Amino acid sequence: MSVEVPTEDRIAVVETVRLPAPTAWPLVLAFGMTLVFSGLLTTASVSILGAILAICGMVGWFRDVLPHEKHEAVPVSPGTIPVFTSRTSVARIDLITHEPHRARLPLEIYPVSAGVKGGMAGAVVMAILAVGYGVFSGHGVWYPINLLAAGFFPGSLTSTAELDRFQWDAFLIATAIHLITSLLVGLLYGAMLPMLAHRAVLLGGVVAPVLWSGLIHSLVDYINPELNRRIDWLWFVVSQLGFGIVAGLVVSKQQRIATWQHLPFAIRAGIETPGAMDERRDEDRR
C-alpha cells in the first residue's frame, strides 16, 4: 500500500540587514604603529617591522573600503520583547516637588550655618590634638603652631629652639590659616554630606581626611623637605581624623531645609521678579 503525501512549495522569507563586513586590518595597523614607537626606545629593527605591519594594515583596510565598501547580510529575527512591571501606578515626582518636572537632588540640604558650626567645632578638636602632640613630644605647645606658620612661610622655619618659643607673628599667621581652612572645609562638608545618604560620617570623617593627608604628605615632600622631616605624620593624620569626625557629626546633627523645588529659576538665582511669588501662591491655592 502506498500513501501519497501532498506537498506544497513554501518560500521562507528571511529578513536581513546589511552591515559593514568585519575586518582585522585596523588591529594590524594599530599593532604596527605600536611597534614603530617601541623601536624608538629599543632597536631600529622593531620599528622597521612595525612600519611593514602598519603599511600592510593600511593597504588591507583601504581595500576593504575602496572603491566600494564591503558589506555582509546579517539575518534578523523580528520579535517583541515583553516588558513587565510590578507597579500598580506610575510614580509622579510632583507628589514631592509639586511640579511635573525632574527633582533637583538632594531634596534637602544643610544651611550655611551648619557648615560654619561643623568647621569651628572641628577646628577646636584639631587644635587640641595638635597642642597635645606638642606637649607629649616635649617641644611645647607652641611647636605645632609655629610649624603650621612655617608651612606657608618657609623662611620662618629655623632652628628647633625657635620653633619651641612663642612668636607673635607665627601665632597670628597660624591662627588665621587654621580658622580659614577649617571654615572652608566645614562649608564643603555642609554642601557634600546631603549627597552622601549612607555612611556620611564615615566618608566625610575618615575617608576624606586620610585622602587629603596623603595628598599633603606627597606635596610637602617636594615643596619643603625640611618641613616634611619635622612633621609627625601619625599625629597629623590623627588630628585630621579628629577634625573630620567632629565636623561630620556636628553637620549631620543640624536640621535640614528643603530645597526650593517649586520656585522659578529667577527667584532661586536671586533675580527680583515682582509678582512671581504671588502667582505661585495663587496656583497652589487652586
C-alpha atoms as a PDB file:
ATOM      1  CA  MET A   1       0.000   0.000   0.000  1.00  0.00           C
ATOM      2  CA  SER A   2       1.307   3.402  -0.906  1.00  0.00           C
ATOM      3  CA  VAL A   3       0.210   6.693   0.609  1.00  0.00           C
ATOM      4  CA  GLU A   4       0.518   9.849  -1.345  1.00  0.00           C
ATOM      5  CA  VAL A   5       1.546  12.758   0.760  1.00  0.00           C
ATOM      6  CA  PRO A   6       0.586  16.087  -0.682  1.00  0.00           C
ATOM      7  CA  THR A   7       3.355  18.595  -0.809  1.00  0.00           C
ATOM      8  CA  GLU A   8       3.341  22.291  -1.330  1.00  0.00           C
ATOM      9  CA  ASP A   9       6.114  24.699  -2.057  1.00  0.00           C
ATOM     10  CA  ARG A  10       6.910  27.085   0.747  1.00  0.00           C
ATOM     11  CA  ILE A  11       9.201  30.061   0.388  1.00  0.00           C
ATOM     12  CA  ALA A  12      10.942  31.071   3.584  1.00  0.00           C
ATOM     13  CA  VAL A  13      11.366  34.812   3.794  1.00  0.00           C
ATOM     14  CA  VAL A  14      14.255  35.815   5.984  1.00  0.00           C
ATOM     15  CA  GLU A  15      14.761  39.484   6.757  1.00  0.00           C
ATOM     16  CA  THR A  16      18.343  40.664   6.624  1.00  0.00           C
ATOM     17  CA  VAL A  17      20.238  43.843   7.299  1.00  0.00           C
ATOM     18  CA  ARG A  18      23.405  44.974   5.544  1.00  0.00           C
ATOM     19  CA  LEU A  19      26.281  45.713   7.873  1.00  0.00           C
ATOM     20  CA  PRO A  20      29.936  46.595   7.231  1.00  0.00           C
ATOM     21  CA  ALA A  21      31.963  43.420   6.793  1.00  0.00           C
ATOM     22  CA  PRO A  22      34.259  42.608   9.749  1.00  0.00           C
ATOM     23  CA  THR A  23      37.951  43.260   9.250  1.00  0.00           C
ATOM     24  CA  ALA A  24      41.095  42.771  11.306  1.00  0.00           C
ATOM     25  CA  TRP A  25      43.248  45.268   9.400  1.00  0.00           C
ATOM     26  CA  PRO A  26      42.721  48.138  11.921  1.00  0.00           C
ATOM     27  CA  LEU A  27      44.247  45.914  14.625  1.00  0.00           C
ATOM     28  CA  VAL A  28      47.208  45.167  12.382  1.00  0.00           C
ATOM     29  CA  LEU A  29      47.695  48.891  11.759  1.00  0.00           C
ATOM     30  CA  ALA A  30      47.494  49.706  15.482  1.00  0.00           C
ATOM     31  CA  PHE A  31      49.953  46.951  16.364  1.00  0.00           C
ATOM     32  CA  GLY A  32      52.344  48.155  13.667  1.00  0.00           C
ATOM     33  CA  MET A  33      52.248  51.748  14.912  1.00  0.00           C
ATOM     34  CA  THR A  34      52.903  50.486  18.450  1.00  0.00           C
ATOM     35  CA  LEU A  35      55.997  48.670  17.245  1.00  0.00           C
ATOM     36  CA  VAL A  36      57.171  51.763  15.341  1.00  0.00           C
ATOM     37  CA  PHE A  37      57.219  53.878  18.513  1.00  0.00           C
ATOM     38  CA  SER A  38      58.517  50.999  20.636  1.00  0.00           C
ATOM     39  CA  GLY A  39      61.522  50.784  18.361  1.00  0.00           C
ATOM     40  CA  LEU A  40      62.455  54.343  19.277  1.00  0.00           C
ATOM     41  CA  LEU A  41      63.224  53.030  22.766  1.00  0.00           C
ATOM     42  CA  THR A  42      64.680  49.654  21.757  1.00  0.00           C
ATOM     43  CA  THR A  43      66.195  48.892  18.341  1.00  0.00           C
ATOM     44  CA  ALA A  44      65.613  50.021  14.784  1.00  0.00           C
ATOM     45  CA  SER A  45      64.608  46.516  13.683  1.00  0.00           C
ATOM     46  CA  VAL A  46      61.471  46.736  15.825  1.00  0.00           C
ATOM     47  CA  SER A  47      60.489  49.993  14.132  1.00  0.00           C
ATOM     48  CA  ILE A  48      61.116  48.502  10.671  1.00  0.00           C
ATOM     49  CA  LEU A  49      58.888  45.513  11.472  1.00  0.00           C
ATOM     50  CA  GLY A  50      56.242  47.864  12.821  1.00  0.00           C
ATOM     51  CA  ALA A  51      56.379  50.018   9.681  1.00  0.00           C
ATOM     52  CA  ILE A  52      55.879  46.931   7.476  1.00  0.00           C
ATOM     53  CA  LEU A  53      52.866  45.838   9.540  1.00  0.00           C
ATOM     54  CA  ALA A  54      51.445  49.371   9.537  1.00  0.00           C
ATOM     55  CA  ILE A  55      51.708  49.626   5.760  1.00  0.00           C
ATOM     56  CA  CYS A  56      50.068  46.209   5.338  1.00  0.00           C
ATOM     57  CA  GLY A  57      47.309  47.242   7.703  1.00  0.00           C
ATOM     58  CA  MET A  58      46.640  50.486   5.821  1.00  0.00           C
ATOM     59  CA  VAL A  59      46.611  48.754   2.417  1.00  0.00           C
ATOM     60  CA  GLY A  60      44.303  45.999   3.638  1.00  0.00           C
ATOM     61  CA  TRP A  61      41.982  48.466   5.345  1.00  0.00           C
ATOM     62  CA  PHE A  62      41.808  50.676   2.257  1.00  0.00           C
ATOM     63  CA  ARG A  63      40.991  47.668   0.039  1.00  0.00           C
ATOM     64  CA  ASP A  64      38.030  46.906   2.337  1.00  0.00           C
ATOM     65  CA  VAL A  65      36.507  50.347   1.835  1.00  0.00           C
ATOM     66  CA  LEU A  66      37.772  51.488  -1.574  1.00  0.00           C
ATOM     67  CA  PRO A  67      36.476  51.752  -4.225  1.00  0.00           C
ATOM     68  CA  HIS A  68      33.361  50.221  -2.607  1.00  0.00           C
ATOM     69  CA  GLU A  69      32.702  49.324   0.996  1.00  0.00           C
ATOM     70  CA  LYS A  70      32.369  45.637   1.716  1.00  0.00           C
ATOM     71  CA  HIS A  71      29.134  44.578   3.388  1.00  0.00           C
ATOM     72  CA  GLU A  72      27.569  41.377   4.568  1.00  0.00           C
ATOM     73  CA  ALA A  73      23.935  40.401   5.050  1.00  0.00           C
ATOM     74  CA  VAL A  74      23.054  39.525   8.646  1.00  0.00           C
ATOM     75  CA  PRO A  75      19.725  37.752   9.263  1.00  0.00           C
ATOM     76  CA  VAL A  76      17.332  39.460  11.625  1.00  0.00           C
ATOM     77  CA  SER A  77      14.772  37.632  13.723  1.00  0.00           C
ATOM     78  CA  PRO A  78      11.899  40.016  14.396  1.00  0.00           C
ATOM     79  CA  GLY A  79      10.294  39.705  17.766  1.00  0.00           C
ATOM     80  CA  THR A  80       8.685  41.645  20.573  1.00  0.00           C
ATOM     81  CA  ILE A  81      10.362  41.792  23.954  1.00  0.00           C
ATOM     82  CA  PRO A  82       7.717  41.669  26.692  1.00  0.00           C
ATOM     83  CA  VAL A  83       8.045  44.316  29.396  1.00  0.00           C
ATOM     84  CA  PHE A  84       6.603  43.638  32.825  1.00  0.00           C
ATOM     85  CA  THR A  85       6.330  45.832  35.902  1.00  0.00           C
ATOM     86  CA  SER A  86       5.168  45.192  39.422  1.00  0.00           C
ATOM     87  CA  ARG A  87       3.947  48.755  39.910  1.00  0.00           C
ATOM     88  CA  THR A  88       0.248  49.373  40.044  1.00  0.00           C
ATOM     89  CA  SER A  89       0.619  53.062  39.236  1.00  0.00           C
ATOM     90  CA  VAL A  90       3.194  55.466  37.875  1.00  0.00           C
ATOM     91  CA  ALA A  91       5.259  57.289  40.493  1.00  0.00           C
ATOM     92  CA  ARG A  92       4.969  61.021  39.994  1.00  0.00           C
ATOM     93  CA  ILE A  93       7.653  63.410  41.160  1.00  0.00           C
ATOM     94  CA  ASP A  94       5.070  66.133  41.664  1.00  0.00           C
ATOM     95  CA  LEU A  95       3.981  64.357  44.851  1.00  0.00           C
ATOM     96  CA  ILE A  96       7.260  65.567  46.342  1.00  0.00           C
ATOM     97  CA  THR A  97       8.078  68.731  44.465  1.00  0.00           C
ATOM     98  CA  HIS A  98       4.539  69.825  43.474  1.00  0.00           C
ATOM     99  CA  GLU A  99       5.847  70.337  39.964  1.00  0.00           C
ATOM    100  CA  PRO A 100       5.736  67.963  36.947  1.00  0.00           C
ATOM    101  CA  HIS A 101       9.499  68.186  36.333  1.00  0.00           C
ATOM    102  CA  ARG A 102      12.642  66.408  37.409  1.00  0.00           C
ATOM    103  CA  ALA A 103      13.567  66.758  41.050  1.00  0.00           C
ATOM    104  CA  ARG A 104      16.674  68.692  41.976  1.00  0.00           C
ATOM    105  CA  LEU A 105      18.730  66.439  44.190  1.00  0.00           C
ATOM    106  CA  PRO A 106      19.262  66.480  47.066  1.00  0.00           C
ATOM    107  CA  LEU A 107      15.742  67.359  48.141  1.00  0.00           C
ATOM    108  CA  GLU A 108      17.035  68.644  51.491  1.00  0.00           C
ATOM    109  CA  ILE A 109      20.273  70.437  52.273  1.00  0.00           C
ATOM    110  CA  TYR A 110      22.025  71.824  55.331  1.00  0.00           C
ATOM    111  CA  PRO A 111      22.027  75.584  55.881  1.00  0.00           C
ATOM    112  CA  VAL A 112      25.264  77.519  55.658  1.00  0.00           C
ATOM    113  CA  SER A 113      25.335  77.807  59.436  1.00  0.00           C
ATOM    114  CA  ALA A 114      25.683  74.016  59.695  1.00  0.00           C
ATOM    115  CA  GLY A 115      28.963  74.102  57.776  1.00  0.00           C
ATOM    116  CA  VAL A 116      30.218  77.001  59.919  1.00  0.00           C
ATOM    117  CA  LYS A 117      29.394  75.169  63.162  1.00  0.00           C
ATOM    118  CA  GLY A 118      30.974  71.936  61.916  1.00  0.00           C
ATOM    119  CA  GLY A 119      34.135  73.690  60.749  1.00  0.00           C
ATOM    120  CA  MET A 120      34.588  75.594  64.005  1.00  0.00           C
ATOM    121  CA  ALA A 121      33.951  72.507  66.146  1.00  0.00           C
ATOM    122  CA  GLY A 122      36.437  70.513  64.092  1.00  0.00           C
ATOM    123  CA  ALA A 123      38.953  73.359  64.368  1.00  0.00           C
ATOM    124  CA  VAL A 124      38.792  73.255  68.179  1.00  0.00           C
ATOM    125  CA  VAL A 125      39.306  69.480  68.286  1.00  0.00           C
ATOM    126  CA  MET A 126      42.186  69.597  65.802  1.00  0.00           C
ATOM    127  CA  ALA A 127      43.873  72.405  67.766  1.00  0.00           C
ATOM    128  CA  ILE A 128      43.588  70.400  70.998  1.00  0.00           C
ATOM    129  CA  LEU A 129      45.133  67.344  69.355  1.00  0.00           C
ATOM    130  CA  ALA A 130      47.938  69.391  67.820  1.00  0.00           C
ATOM    131  CA  VAL A 131      48.766  71.102  71.117  1.00  0.00           C
ATOM    132  CA  GLY A 132      48.643  67.695  72.812  1.00  0.00           C
ATOM    133  CA  TYR A 133      51.249  66.471  70.361  1.00  0.00           C
ATOM    134  CA  GLY A 134      53.474  69.411  71.242  1.00  0.00           C
ATOM    135  CA  VAL A 135      53.195  68.625  74.945  1.00  0.00           C
ATOM    136  CA  PHE A 136      53.761  64.865  74.652  1.00  0.00           C
ATOM    137  CA  SER A 137      56.662  65.281  72.206  1.00  0.00           C
ATOM    138  CA  GLY A 138      58.494  67.576  74.620  1.00  0.00           C
ATOM    139  CA  HIS A 139      58.630  70.566  72.271  1.00  0.00           C
ATOM    140  CA  GLY A 140      55.887  72.568  73.975  1.00  0.00           C
ATOM    141  CA  VAL A 141      52.500  73.930  72.968  1.00  0.00           C
ATOM    142  CA  TRP A 142      53.940  76.498  70.524  1.00  0.00           C
ATOM    143  CA  TYR A 143      55.812  73.994  68.363  1.00  0.00           C
ATOM    144  CA  PRO A 144      52.811  72.831  66.213  1.00  0.00           C
ATOM    145  CA  ILE A 145      51.589  76.435  65.901  1.00  0.00           C
ATOM    146  CA  ASN A 146      54.955  77.683  64.648  1.00  0.00           C
ATOM    147  CA  LEU A 147      55.231  74.649  62.403  1.00  0.00           C
ATOM    148  CA  LEU A 148      51.874  75.453  60.773  1.00  0.00           C
ATOM    149  CA  ALA A 149      53.007  79.003  60.063  1.00  0.00           C
ATOM    150  CA  ALA A 150      56.285  77.697  58.677  1.00  0.00           C
ATOM    151  CA  GLY A 151      54.358  75.535  56.216  1.00  0.00           C
ATOM    152  CA  PHE A 152      53.143  78.676  54.420  1.00  0.00           C
ATOM    153  CA  PHE A 153      56.200  80.833  55.132  1.00  0.00           C
ATOM    154  CA  PRO A 154      59.285  78.597  54.803  1.00  0.00           C
ATOM    155  CA  GLY A 155      61.552  81.457  55.849  1.00  0.00           C
ATOM    156  CA  SER A 156      60.279  81.155  59.412  1.00  0.00           C
ATOM    157  CA  LEU A 157      61.438  77.529  59.623  1.00  0.00           C
ATOM    158  CA  THR A 158      64.663  77.990  61.547  1.00  0.00           C
ATOM    159  CA  SER A 159      66.065  76.022  64.451  1.00  0.00           C
ATOM    160  CA  THR A 160      64.081  73.780  66.771  1.00  0.00           C
ATOM    161  CA  ALA A 161      64.656  76.201  69.638  1.00  0.00           C
ATOM    162  CA  GLU A 162      62.972  78.986  67.646  1.00  0.00           C
ATOM    163  CA  LEU A 163      60.011  76.747  66.865  1.00  0.00           C
ATOM    164  CA  ASP A 164      59.569  75.899  70.548  1.00  0.00           C
ATOM    165  CA  ARG A 165      59.293  79.579  71.572  1.00  0.00           C
ATOM    166  CA  PHE A 166      56.200  81.780  71.407  1.00  0.00           C
ATOM    167  CA  GLN A 167      56.237  84.141  68.417  1.00  0.00           C
ATOM    168  CA  TRP A 168      53.525  86.707  67.848  1.00  0.00           C
ATOM    169  CA  ASP A 169      53.745  86.752  64.054  1.00  0.00           C
ATOM    170  CA  ALA A 170      53.697  82.952  63.773  1.00  0.00           C
ATOM    171  CA  PHE A 171      50.770  82.740  66.229  1.00  0.00           C
ATOM    172  CA  LEU A 172      48.652  85.226  64.246  1.00  0.00           C
ATOM    173  CA  ILE A 173      49.507  83.606  60.916  1.00  0.00           C
ATOM    174  CA  ALA A 174      48.781  80.074  62.151  1.00  0.00           C
ATOM    175  CA  THR A 175      45.504  81.146  63.781  1.00  0.00           C
ATOM    176  CA  ALA A 176      44.267  82.816  60.596  1.00  0.00           C
ATOM    177  CA  ILE A 177      45.273  79.841  58.439  1.00  0.00           C
ATOM    178  CA  HIS A 178      43.689  77.364  60.838  1.00  0.00           C
ATOM    179  CA  LEU A 179      40.373  79.212  61.116  1.00  0.00           C
ATOM    180  CA  ILE A 180      40.003  79.993  57.409  1.00  0.00           C
ATOM    181  CA  THR A 181      40.883  76.450  56.326  1.00  0.00           C
ATOM    182  CA  SER A 182      38.568  74.887  58.911  1.00  0.00           C
ATOM    183  CA  LEU A 183      35.728  77.208  57.888  1.00  0.00           C
ATOM    184  CA  LEU A 184      36.116  76.375  54.186  1.00  0.00           C
ATOM    185  CA  VAL A 185      36.266  72.630  54.840  1.00  0.00           C
ATOM    186  CA  GLY A 186      33.225  72.890  57.125  1.00  0.00           C
ATOM    187  CA  LEU A 187      31.261  74.659  54.383  1.00  0.00           C
ATOM    188  CA  LEU A 188      32.358  71.942  51.968  1.00  0.00           C
ATOM    189  CA  TYR A 189      31.088  69.298  54.390  1.00  0.00           C
ATOM    190  CA  GLY A 190      27.750  71.091  54.669  1.00  0.00           C
ATOM    191  CA  ALA A 191      27.399  71.049  50.884  1.00  0.00           C
ATOM    192  CA  MET A 192      28.554  67.451  50.308  1.00  0.00           C
ATOM    193  CA  LEU A 193      27.111  65.460  53.212  1.00  0.00           C
ATOM    194  CA  PRO A 194      23.485  65.700  51.940  1.00  0.00           C
ATOM    195  CA  MET A 195      24.679  63.925  48.779  1.00  0.00           C
ATOM    196  CA  LEU A 196      26.108  61.052  50.827  1.00  0.00           C
ATOM    197  CA  ALA A 197      22.926  59.459  52.103  1.00  0.00           C
ATOM    198  CA  HIS A 198      24.676  56.378  53.503  1.00  0.00           C
ATOM    199  CA  ARG A 199      27.814  56.386  55.670  1.00  0.00           C
ATOM    200  CA  ALA A 200      28.114  60.166  55.505  1.00  0.00           C
ATOM    201  CA  VAL A 201      30.170  60.449  58.695  1.00  0.00           C
ATOM    202  CA  LEU A 202      32.394  57.540  57.654  1.00  0.00           C
ATOM    203  CA  LEU A 203      33.190  59.050  54.259  1.00  0.00           C
ATOM    204  CA  GLY A 204      33.471  62.626  55.485  1.00  0.00           C
ATOM    205  CA  GLY A 205      35.124  61.885  58.819  1.00  0.00           C
ATOM    206  CA  VAL A 206      37.526  59.068  57.956  1.00  0.00           C
ATOM    207  CA  VAL A 207      37.979  58.541  54.209  1.00  0.00           C
ATOM    208  CA  ALA A 208      38.264  62.210  53.225  1.00  0.00           C
ATOM    209  CA  PRO A 209      40.834  63.162  55.938  1.00  0.00           C
ATOM    210  CA  VAL A 210      43.006  60.151  55.060  1.00  0.00           C
ATOM    211  CA  LEU A 211      42.924  61.085  51.367  1.00  0.00           C
ATOM    212  CA  TRP A 212      43.851  64.731  51.832  1.00  0.00           C
ATOM    213  CA  SER A 213      46.513  63.792  54.402  1.00  0.00           C
ATOM    214  CA  GLY A 214      48.162  61.594  51.782  1.00  0.00           C
ATOM    215  CA  LEU A 215      47.921  64.395  49.229  1.00  0.00           C
ATOM    216  CA  ILE A 216      49.501  66.930  51.613  1.00  0.00           C
ATOM    217  CA  HIS A 217      52.259  64.457  52.508  1.00  0.00           C
ATOM    218  CA  SER A 218      53.179  63.955  48.854  1.00  0.00           C
ATOM    219  CA  LEU A 219      53.211  67.707  48.143  1.00  0.00           C
ATOM    220  CA  VAL A 220      55.188  68.757  51.235  1.00  0.00           C
ATOM    221  CA  ASP A 221      57.885  66.209  50.445  1.00  0.00           C
ATOM    222  CA  TYR A 222      58.606  68.061  47.188  1.00  0.00           C
ATOM    223  CA  ILE A 223      57.878  71.647  48.259  1.00  0.00           C
ATOM    224  CA  ASN A 224      59.659  71.729  51.610  1.00  0.00           C
ATOM    225  CA  PRO A 225      61.610  68.583  52.568  1.00  0.00           C
ATOM    226  CA  GLU A 226      62.776  70.164  55.843  1.00  0.00           C
ATOM    227  CA  LEU A 227      59.180  70.753  56.934  1.00  0.00           C
ATOM    228  CA  ASN A 228      58.311  67.198  55.903  1.00  0.00           C
ATOM    229  CA  ARG A 229      61.099  65.936  58.168  1.00  0.00           C
ATOM    230  CA  ARG A 230      59.809  67.846  61.187  1.00  0.00           C
ATOM    231  CA  ILE A 231      56.122  66.872  60.879  1.00  0.00           C
ATOM    232  CA  ASP A 232      54.995  63.817  62.835  1.00  0.00           C
ATOM    233  CA  TRP A 233      52.644  62.380  60.210  1.00  0.00           C
ATOM    234  CA  LEU A 234      50.964  59.961  62.605  1.00  0.00           C
ATOM    235  CA  TRP A 235      49.810  62.823  64.804  1.00  0.00           C
ATOM    236  CA  PHE A 236      48.949  64.827  61.691  1.00  0.00           C
ATOM    237  CA  VAL A 237      46.588  62.091  60.452  1.00  0.00           C
ATOM    238  CA  VAL A 238      45.097  61.708  63.948  1.00  0.00           C
ATOM    239  CA  SER A 239      44.351  65.437  64.118  1.00  0.00           C
ATOM    240  CA  GLN A 240      42.787  65.375  60.648  1.00  0.00           C
ATOM    241  CA  LEU A 241      40.612  62.421  61.625  1.00  0.00           C
ATOM    242  CA  GLY A 242      39.526  64.279  64.756  1.00  0.00           C
ATOM    243  CA  PHE A 243      38.543  67.271  62.665  1.00  0.00           C
ATOM    244  CA  GLY A 244      36.691  65.184  60.078  1.00  0.00           C
ATOM    245  CA  ILE A 245      34.725  63.082  62.576  1.00  0.00           C
ATOM    246  CA  VAL A 246      33.677  66.011  64.758  1.00  0.00           C
ATOM    247  CA  ALA A 247      32.832  68.257  61.804  1.00  0.00           C
ATOM    248  CA  GLY A 248      30.852  65.475  60.140  1.00  0.00           C
ATOM    249  CA  LEU A 249      28.901  64.698  63.320  1.00  0.00           C
ATOM    250  CA  VAL A 250      28.103  68.352  64.017  1.00  0.00           C
ATOM    251  CA  VAL A 251      26.946  68.984  60.454  1.00  0.00           C
ATOM    252  CA  SER A 252      24.865  65.789  60.277  1.00  0.00           C
ATOM    253  CA  LYS A 253      23.045  66.716  63.514  1.00  0.00           C
ATOM    254  CA  GLN A 254      21.813  70.022  62.124  1.00  0.00           C
ATOM    255  CA  GLN A 255      18.275  70.475  60.861  1.00  0.00           C
ATOM    256  CA  ARG A 256      17.962  70.125  57.102  1.00  0.00           C
ATOM    257  CA  ILE A 257      15.967  72.528  54.991  1.00  0.00           C
ATOM    258  CA  ALA A 258      14.074  71.695  51.805  1.00  0.00           C
ATOM    259  CA  THR A 259      15.485  72.940  48.536  1.00  0.00           C
ATOM    260  CA  TRP A 260      13.453  75.398  46.535  1.00  0.00           C
ATOM    261  CA  GLN A 261      11.990  72.827  44.192  1.00  0.00           C
ATOM    262  CA  HIS A 262       8.818  74.737  43.368  1.00  0.00           C
ATOM    263  CA  LEU A 263      10.331  78.186  42.881  1.00  0.00           C
ATOM    264  CA  PRO A 264      11.213  79.569  39.442  1.00  0.00           C
ATOM    265  CA  PHE A 265      14.875  79.750  38.451  1.00  0.00           C
ATOM    266  CA  ALA A 266      14.850  83.549  38.551  1.00  0.00           C
ATOM    267  CA  ILE A 267      13.937  83.563  42.239  1.00  0.00           C
ATOM    268  CA  ARG A 268      16.410  80.773  43.104  1.00  0.00           C
ATOM    269  CA  ALA A 269      19.134  82.767  41.346  1.00  0.00           C
ATOM    270  CA  GLY A 270      18.277  85.890  43.370  1.00  0.00           C
ATOM    271  CA  ILE A 271      16.845  87.870  40.460  1.00  0.00           C
ATOM    272  CA  GLU A 272      13.992  90.113  41.511  1.00  0.00           C
ATOM    273  CA  THR A 273      10.796  89.123  39.703  1.00  0.00           C
ATOM    274  CA  PRO A 274       7.853  91.120  41.078  1.00  0.00           C
ATOM    275  CA  GLY A 275       4.615  89.153  41.102  1.00  0.00           C
ATOM    276  CA  ALA A 276       6.198  85.737  40.613  1.00  0.00           C
ATOM    277  CA  MET A 277       5.630  84.639  44.187  1.00  0.00           C
ATOM    278  CA  ASP A 278       2.060  85.909  44.187  1.00  0.00           C
ATOM    279  CA  GLU A 279       1.314  83.955  41.012  1.00  0.00           C
ATOM    280  CA  ARG A 280       2.836  80.822  42.546  1.00  0.00           C
ATOM    281  CA  ARG A 281       0.703  81.195  45.689  1.00  0.00           C
ATOM    282  CA  ASP A 282      -2.446  81.569  43.545  1.00  0.00           C
ATOM    283  CA  GLU A 283      -1.597  78.374  41.639  1.00  0.00           C
ATOM    284  CA  ASP A 284      -1.008  76.480  44.910  1.00  0.00           C
ATOM    285  CA  ARG A 285      -4.409  77.569  46.245  1.00  0.00           C
ATOM    286  CA  ARG A 286      -6.093  76.298  43.092  1.00  0.00           C
END
